[in-house]
Amino acid sequence: MNKQIPMAKGATVALVTPFTESGEVDVPSLRAILQYHVESETDGLCILGTTGEAQTMSMEERAAVLKVAVEEVKGIMPIMV
């Protein structure tokens, strides 16, 4: 079931996408960053947006980042893409 959460009041954090030294999306680090925001009770996240790296990523990489973000924070906080 696809559950949508309305944008909350408060701070929405522009999340950076971590990469490995070889240029691949660093999924374990991404999960750790997302869990940090869950534990810190961040109000919302903006992924693949204002930090600039999305323009250099393939659609497959972007889809992978979105999939991980949904897995980690779905139902906890809103995600803006």
Protein backbone atom coordinates (compact mmCIF):
# COMPACT_ATOMS: atom_id res chain seq x y z
CA MET A 1 0.00 0.00 0.00
CA ASN A 2 1.35 3.39 -0.95
CA LYS A 3 0.99 5.70 2.02
CA GLN A 4 1.51 9.40 1.52
CA ILE A 5 2.28 11.76 4.39
CA PRO A 6 1.51 15.47 3.93
CA MET A 7 4.46 17.84 4.23
CA ALA A 8 4.98 18.67 7.87
CA LYS A 9 5.76 22.04 9.32
CA GLY A 10 9.35 22.51 10.36
CA ALA A 11 12.66 21.87 8.63
CA THR A 12 13.04 19.84 5.45
CA VAL A 13 16.65 18.75 5.00
CA ALA A 14 18.28 18.67 1.56
CA LEU A 15 19.97 15.29 1.69
CA VAL A 16 23.31 14.73 -0.03
CA THR A 17 23.79 11.48 -1.91
CA PRO A 18 26.95 9.68 -0.72
CA PHE A 19 29.23 8.05 -3.28
CA THR A 20 32.07 5.56 -3.01
CA GLU A 21 35.56 6.48 -4.16
CA SER A 22 34.81 4.69 -7.45
CA GLY A 23 31.75 6.89 -8.06
CA GLU A 24 28.98 4.43 -7.20
CA VAL A 25 26.07 5.37 -4.90
CA ASP A 26 27.18 4.36 -1.38
CA VAL A 27 24.00 2.58 -0.26
CA PRO A 28 25.19 1.66 3.27
CA SER A 29 26.17 5.29 3.92
CA LEU A 30 22.88 6.50 2.45
CA ARG A 31 20.98 4.19 4.81
CA ALA A 32 23.04 5.49 7.75
CA ILE A 33 22.29 9.12 6.82
CA LEU A 34 18.58 8.34 6.52
CA GLN A 35 18.54 6.54 9.87
CA TYR A 36 20.32 9.52 11.45
CA HIS A 37 17.44 11.73 10.31
CA VAL A 38 14.86 9.23 11.57
CA GLU A 39 16.55 9.11 14.99
CA SER A 40 16.90 12.91 15.04
CA GLU A 41 13.21 13.30 14.18
CA THR A 42 13.87 15.46 11.14
CA ASP A 43 10.61 16.90 9.81
CA GLY A 44 11.13 15.95 6.15
CA LEU A 45 13.74 15.13 3.51
CA CYS A 46 14.42 16.48 0.05
CA ILE A 47 16.33 13.92 -1.99
CA LEU A 48 17.83 14.22 -5.46
CA GLY A 49 17.17 17.93 -5.41
CA THR A 50 19.02 20.99 -4.36
CA THR A 51 22.46 19.55 -3.59
CA GLY A 52 23.25 19.17 -7.31
CA GLU A 53 24.49 15.60 -7.72
CA ALA A 54 21.26 14.28 -9.26
CA GLN A 55 22.06 15.96 -12.59
CA THR A 56 25.14 13.75 -12.93
CA MET A 57 23.37 10.51 -11.95
CA SER A 58 21.73 7.99 -14.27
CA MET A 59 18.02 7.31 -13.98
CA GLU A 60 18.89 3.89 -12.52
CA GLU A 61 21.01 5.51 -9.80
CA ARG A 62 18.26 7.99 -9.02
CA ALA A 63 15.70 5.17 -8.80
CA ALA A 64 18.01 3.25 -6.45
CA VAL A 65 18.38 6.28 -4.14
CA LEU A 66 14.62 6.81 -4.10
CA LYS A 67 14.01 3.11 -3.37
CA VAL A 68 16.41 3.15 -0.41
CA ALA A 69 14.90 6.37 0.95
CA VAL A 70 11.39 4.93 0.79
CA GLU A 71 12.54 1.71 2.46
CA GLU A 72 14.11 3.64 5.33
CA VAL A 73 11.62 6.44 6.04
CA LYS A 74 8.26 5.45 4.54
CA GLY A 75 5.52 6.27 7.00
CA ILE A 76 7.93 8.15 9.28
CA MET A 77 8.56 11.42 7.47
CA PRO A 78 7.70 12.95 4.10
CA ILE A 79 10.14 12.74 1.20
CA MET A 80 10.28 15.47 -1.42
CA VAL A 81 11.93 14.55 -4.74
